[in-house]
């Protein structure tokens, strides 16, 4: 056995934790609470429902 060995890759858990912490501190994490406060998704669903009903009337 030689004295030099290849470094072991990080475990899946460590890698997942590193990615998770990066996502929590990224720009999307800062933007999501603002979007939630504006109810963007609720407004988009309402608009889609109105467009669907308008298409049925024609």
N, C-alpha and C. Protein backbone atom coordinates (compact mmCIF):
# COMPACT_ATOMS: atom_id res chain seq x y z
N UNK A 1 0.84 -1.17 0.00
CA UNK A 1 0.00 0.00 0.00
C UNK A 1 0.88 1.23 0.00
N UNK A 2 0.56 2.18 -0.85
CA UNK A 2 1.38 3.39 -0.93
C UNK A 2 0.89 4.41 0.10
N UNK A 3 1.72 5.39 0.40
CA UNK A 3 1.39 6.40 1.40
C UNK A 3 0.44 7.46 0.88
N UNK A 4 0.28 7.54 -0.44
CA UNK A 4 -0.63 8.55 -0.99
C UNK A 4 -1.94 7.87 -1.36
N UNK A 5 -3.00 8.44 -0.91
CA UNK A 5 -4.31 7.91 -1.27
C UNK A 5 -5.17 9.05 -1.78
N UNK A 6 -6.11 8.70 -2.61
CA UNK A 6 -7.00 9.71 -3.17
C UNK A 6 -7.93 10.24 -2.08
N UNK A 7 -8.22 11.52 -2.10
CA UNK A 7 -9.15 12.06 -1.09
C UNK A 7 -10.54 11.47 -1.29
N UNK A 8 -11.22 11.21 -0.21
CA UNK A 8 -12.55 10.64 -0.30
C UNK A 8 -13.56 11.75 -0.59
N UNK A 9 -14.51 11.47 -1.46
CA UNK A 9 -15.51 12.49 -1.77
C UNK A 9 -16.42 12.74 -0.57
N UNK A 10 -16.99 13.93 -0.48
CA UNK A 10 -17.87 14.21 0.65
C UNK A 10 -19.12 13.33 0.60
N UNK A 11 -19.66 13.06 1.74
CA UNK A 11 -20.84 12.21 1.78
C UNK A 11 -22.02 12.93 1.15
N UNK A 12 -23.04 12.17 0.81
CA UNK A 12 -24.24 12.76 0.22
C UNK A 12 -24.88 13.75 1.17
N UNK A 13 -24.88 13.40 2.44
CA UNK A 13 -25.51 14.28 3.43
C UNK A 13 -24.78 15.62 3.51
N UNK A 14 -23.45 15.58 3.55
CA UNK A 14 -22.67 16.81 3.63
C UNK A 14 -22.88 17.65 2.38
N UNK A 15 -22.92 16.99 1.23
CA UNK A 15 -23.13 17.72 -0.01
C UNK A 15 -24.53 18.33 -0.05
N UNK A 16 -25.53 17.57 0.40
CA UNK A 16 -26.89 18.08 0.44
C UNK A 16 -27.03 19.26 1.38
N UNK A 17 -26.37 19.20 2.53
CA UNK A 17 -26.42 20.30 3.48
C UNK A 17 -25.76 21.55 2.91
N UNK A 18 -24.66 21.37 2.18
CA UNK A 18 -23.96 22.50 1.59
C UNK A 18 -24.84 23.15 0.52
N UNK A 19 -25.48 22.35 -0.31
CA UNK A 19 -26.36 22.88 -1.35
C UNK A 19 -27.57 23.57 -0.73
N UNK A 20 -28.12 22.95 0.31
CA UNK A 20 -29.29 23.52 0.99
C UNK A 20 -28.97 24.87 1.60
N UNK A 21 -27.83 24.98 2.26
CA UNK A 21 -27.48 26.26 2.86
C UNK A 21 -27.22 27.32 1.80
N UNK A 22 -26.68 26.91 0.66
CA UNK A 22 -26.45 27.85 -0.44
C UNK A 22 -27.78 28.36 -0.99
N UNK A 23 -28.76 27.46 -1.14
CA UNK A 23 -30.06 27.87 -1.66
C UNK A 23 -30.80 28.78 -0.69
N UNK A 24 -30.63 28.53 0.62
CA UNK A 24 -31.31 29.36 1.61
C UNK A 24 -30.75 30.77 1.66
N UNK A 25 -29.50 30.95 1.25
CA UNK A 25 -28.88 32.27 1.33
C UNK A 25 -28.80 32.96 -0.02
N UNK A 26 -29.28 32.33 -1.07
CA UNK A 26 -29.16 32.89 -2.41
C UNK A 26 -30.21 33.94 -2.71
N UNK A 27 -30.17 34.49 -3.90
CA UNK A 27 -31.10 35.54 -4.28
C UNK A 27 -32.56 35.06 -4.34
N UNK A 28 -32.77 33.81 -4.73
CA UNK A 28 -34.15 33.30 -4.79
C UNK A 28 -34.75 33.24 -3.40
N UNK A 29 -33.95 32.92 -2.41
CA UNK A 29 -34.46 32.85 -1.03
C UNK A 29 -34.86 34.23 -0.53
N UNK A 30 -34.19 35.26 -1.00
CA UNK A 30 -34.57 36.62 -0.59
C UNK A 30 -35.78 37.11 -1.37
N UNK A 31 -35.99 36.59 -2.58
CA UNK A 31 -37.09 37.04 -3.42
C UNK A 31 -38.41 36.35 -3.08
N UNK A 32 -38.37 35.09 -2.67
CA UNK A 32 -39.60 34.33 -2.43
C UNK A 32 -40.53 34.95 -1.39
N UNK A 33 -40.05 35.42 -0.26
CA UNK A 33 -40.98 36.04 0.70
C UNK A 33 -41.67 37.28 0.13
N UNK A 34 -40.96 38.02 -0.69
CA UNK A 34 -41.57 39.20 -1.31
C UNK A 34 -42.67 38.80 -2.29
N UNK A 35 -42.40 37.75 -3.07
CA UNK A 35 -43.41 37.27 -4.02
C UNK A 35 -44.63 36.72 -3.28
N UNK A 36 -44.39 36.05 -2.18
CA UNK A 36 -45.50 35.51 -1.39
C UNK A 36 -46.35 36.64 -0.83
N UNK A 37 -45.73 37.72 -0.45
CA UNK A 37 -46.47 38.85 0.08
C UNK A 37 -47.34 39.50 -0.99
N UNK A 38 -46.92 39.42 -2.23
CA UNK A 38 -47.68 40.01 -3.33
C UNK A 38 -48.76 39.08 -3.86
N UNK A 39 -48.81 37.86 -3.38
CA UNK A 39 -49.80 36.87 -3.83
C UNK A 39 -49.75 36.68 -5.35
N UNK A 40 -48.55 36.54 -5.87
CA UNK A 40 -48.36 36.39 -7.31
C UNK A 40 -49.06 35.14 -7.82
N UNK A 41 -48.90 34.04 -7.12
CA UNK A 41 -49.47 32.78 -7.59
C UNK A 41 -51.00 32.85 -7.57
N UNK A 42 -51.56 33.40 -6.52
CA UNK A 42 -53.02 33.52 -6.43
C UNK A 42 -53.57 34.37 -7.58
N UNK A 43 -52.91 35.47 -7.87
CA UNK A 43 -53.35 36.32 -8.97
C UNK A 43 -53.22 35.63 -10.32
N UNK A 44 -52.16 34.87 -10.50
CA UNK A 44 -51.96 34.15 -11.76
C UNK A 44 -53.03 33.09 -11.96
N UNK A 45 -53.39 32.38 -10.89
CA UNK A 45 -54.43 31.36 -10.98
C UNK A 45 -55.78 32.00 -11.29
N UNK A 46 -56.05 33.11 -10.64
CA UNK A 46 -57.31 33.81 -10.89
C UNK A 46 -57.40 34.27 -12.35
N UNK A 47 -56.31 34.83 -12.86
CA UNK A 47 -56.29 35.29 -14.25
C UNK A 47 -56.46 34.12 -15.22
N UNK A 48 -55.83 33.00 -14.93
CA UNK A 48 -55.97 31.83 -15.79
C UNK A 48 -57.40 31.31 -15.78
N UNK A 49 -58.04 31.33 -14.62
CA UNK A 49 -59.43 30.88 -14.52
C UNK A 49 -60.35 31.80 -15.32
N UNK A 50 -60.12 33.09 -15.24
CA UNK A 50 -60.94 34.04 -15.98
C UNK A 50 -60.74 33.86 -17.48
N UNK A 51 -59.51 33.63 -17.91
CA UNK A 51 -59.25 33.41 -19.34
C UNK A 51 -59.91 32.13 -19.81
N UNK A 52 -59.89 31.09 -18.99
CA UNK A 52 -60.53 29.83 -19.35
C UNK A 52 -62.04 30.01 -19.48
N UNK A 53 -62.66 30.70 -18.54
CA UNK A 53 -64.10 30.92 -18.61
C UNK A 53 -64.47 31.81 -19.79
N UNK A 54 -63.65 32.79 -20.10
CA UNK A 54 -63.91 33.64 -21.25
C UNK A 54 -63.81 32.83 -22.55
N UNK A 55 -62.90 31.89 -22.62
CA UNK A 55 -62.76 31.05 -23.81
C UNK A 55 -63.96 30.13 -23.97
N UNK A 56 -64.57 29.70 -22.88
CA UNK A 56 -65.74 28.83 -22.95
C UNK A 56 -66.97 29.58 -23.46
N UNK A 57 -67.05 30.87 -23.17
CA UNK A 57 -68.20 31.67 -23.59
C UNK A 57 -68.22 31.93 -25.10
N UNK A 58 -67.07 31.96 -25.73
CA UNK A 58 -67.00 32.29 -27.17
C UNK A 58 -67.51 31.18 -28.04
